[in-house]
Protein backbone atom coordinates (compact mmCIF):
# COMPACT_ATOMS: atom_id res chain seq x y z
CA MET A 1 283.54 175.78 74.64
CA ALA A 2 285.79 172.59 74.65
CA LYS A 3 285.04 169.50 72.37
CA PRO A 4 282.98 167.23 73.86
CA ALA A 5 284.59 163.84 75.19
CA LYS A 6 283.18 161.33 72.93
CA CYS A 7 283.92 163.19 69.48
CA ILE A 8 285.92 160.98 67.10
CA SER A 9 288.04 162.15 64.54
CA VAL A 10 287.15 162.84 60.82
CA ILE A 11 289.42 159.34 60.62
CA ASP A 12 287.81 157.09 62.35
CA ALA A 13 284.18 158.52 61.13
CA LYS A 14 285.02 157.34 57.89
CA LYS A 15 286.59 154.32 58.75
CA ILE A 16 283.26 153.03 60.69
CA GLN A 17 281.01 154.88 57.92
CA LYS A 18 283.00 152.24 55.84
CA GLN A 19 282.43 149.56 57.38
CA TRP A 20 278.99 149.85 57.50
CA ASP A 21 278.50 150.35 53.58
CA ASP A 22 280.92 147.30 53.20
CA THR A 23 279.60 144.85 56.11
CA ARG A 24 275.79 145.97 55.51
CA ALA A 25 274.76 148.68 52.90
CA LYS A 26 275.25 145.98 50.01
CA ASP A 27 273.61 143.17 51.70
CA ILE A 28 270.76 146.03 52.22
CA GLU A 29 270.58 147.00 48.55
CA SER A 30 270.72 143.34 47.27
CA ALA A 31 267.59 142.34 49.63
CA GLN A 32 265.79 145.48 49.07
CA GLY A 33 266.40 145.77 45.03
CA PHE A 34 267.52 149.32 45.77
CA LYS A 35 269.81 151.91 47.47
CA ASP A 36 268.75 152.88 50.80
CA ALA A 37 269.29 156.03 52.43
CA CYS A 38 271.93 155.84 55.11
CA GLU A 39 272.21 159.23 56.01
CA PHE A 40 269.88 161.75 58.16
CA THR A 41 270.22 165.11 58.67
CA PHE A 42 268.42 167.36 61.39
CA ASN A 43 267.74 171.19 61.73
CA MET A 44 269.49 171.88 65.12
CA ASP A 45 266.96 174.26 66.38
CA GLU A 46 264.61 171.51 65.90
CA LEU A 47 267.18 168.92 67.44
CA GLN A 48 267.57 171.52 70.11
CA GLU A 49 263.89 171.85 71.11
CA TYR A 50 263.55 168.53 70.89
CA ILE A 51 266.12 168.06 73.74
CA ASP A 52 264.59 170.60 75.60
CA TYR A 53 261.12 169.07 75.42
CA VAL A 54 262.54 165.65 76.59
CA LYS A 55 264.49 167.02 79.30
CA GLU A 56 261.45 169.18 80.75
CA GLU A 57 259.30 166.16 80.43
CA ALA A 58 261.27 164.14 82.15
CA LYS A 59 261.41 166.28 84.15
CA LYS A 60 257.73 166.59 85.43
CA GLN A 61 258.45 162.64 85.73
CA GLN A 62 261.21 162.89 88.36
CA ILE A 63 263.51 161.10 85.58
CA LYS A 64 267.09 162.86 86.28
CA LYS A 65 269.33 162.41 83.70
CA PRO A 66 267.70 161.24 80.64
CA GLY A 67 269.24 159.59 77.19
CA ILE A 68 268.28 159.79 73.87
CA ARG A 69 268.04 156.57 71.94
CA LEU A 70 268.59 156.04 68.03
CA TYR A 71 266.53 153.42 66.25
CA PHE A 72 266.86 152.36 62.37
CA ALA A 73 263.33 152.70 61.13
CA ALA A 74 261.63 152.27 57.77
CA TYR A 75 258.84 153.58 55.65
CA ASN A 76 256.24 151.76 54.21
CA ASP A 77 253.66 154.07 52.89
CA SER A 78 252.88 156.27 49.87
CA LYS A 79 255.76 158.55 49.64
CA SER A 80 258.68 156.42 50.75
CA ASN A 81 259.85 152.62 51.62
CA LYS A 82 263.16 154.32 52.48
CA ALA A 83 265.19 154.08 56.00
CA THR A 84 265.17 156.47 58.44
CA ILE A 85 266.40 156.93 62.31
CA PHE A 86 263.96 158.21 65.22
CA LEU A 87 264.90 159.39 68.26
CA CYS A 88 263.51 157.95 71.61
CA PRO A 89 263.91 158.99 75.04
CA THR A 90 265.47 156.69 77.81
CA GLU A 91 265.38 156.90 81.59
CA SER A 92 269.03 157.52 81.23
CA ASP A 93 271.95 156.86 79.09
CA SER A 94 272.74 153.63 80.19
CA LYS A 95 272.70 151.18 77.21
CA ASN A 96 269.96 149.11 79.27
CA ALA A 97 267.87 152.17 80.13
CA GLY A 98 264.14 151.61 79.33
CA ASN A 99 262.77 153.81 76.68
CA ILE A 100 260.16 156.69 78.02
CA TYR A 101 257.04 155.66 76.12
CA SER A 102 254.84 158.69 77.53
CA ILE A 103 257.20 161.25 75.69
CA ASP A 104 256.84 161.08 72.06
CA PRO A 105 259.73 160.04 69.64
CA PHE A 106 261.55 162.31 66.95
CA ASN A 107 261.32 161.47 63.26
CA ARG A 108 261.07 163.79 60.34
CA SER A 109 264.73 164.04 59.29
CA ASN A 110 265.76 164.89 56.04
CA GLY A 111 267.58 161.87 54.23
CA GLY A 112 270.05 162.54 51.48
CA TRP A 113 269.25 161.51 48.04
CA PRO A 114 270.99 160.10 46.65
CA PRO A 115 272.88 158.82 49.57
CA GLN A 116 276.40 160.27 50.74
CA SER A 117 279.34 158.65 52.11
CA TYR A 118 280.99 160.34 54.82
């Protein structure tokens, strides 16, 4: 299998992750009063299952090429007040594509603790 065209180098990944740390993470920590989660791990089989689910449900709705959008979010319950992300299906992979609210989003990743820099 060929490497996907939108892969970035490890060097570029480290650079943009450092940019996040330098320009946002410190402000978030200052505002929250604690270091927050900044990386999340999904099980590959569960992620593939979700992708297959989105494709199947989108096809039923005659959406030919759905996309997936990632949203930053935060918990506020007895278990956690840390950051998280969730995946939301979209009508296409266009940056302005509408969300598909009739297909449930995907969450429940494992946020590394303490957070690890890339």
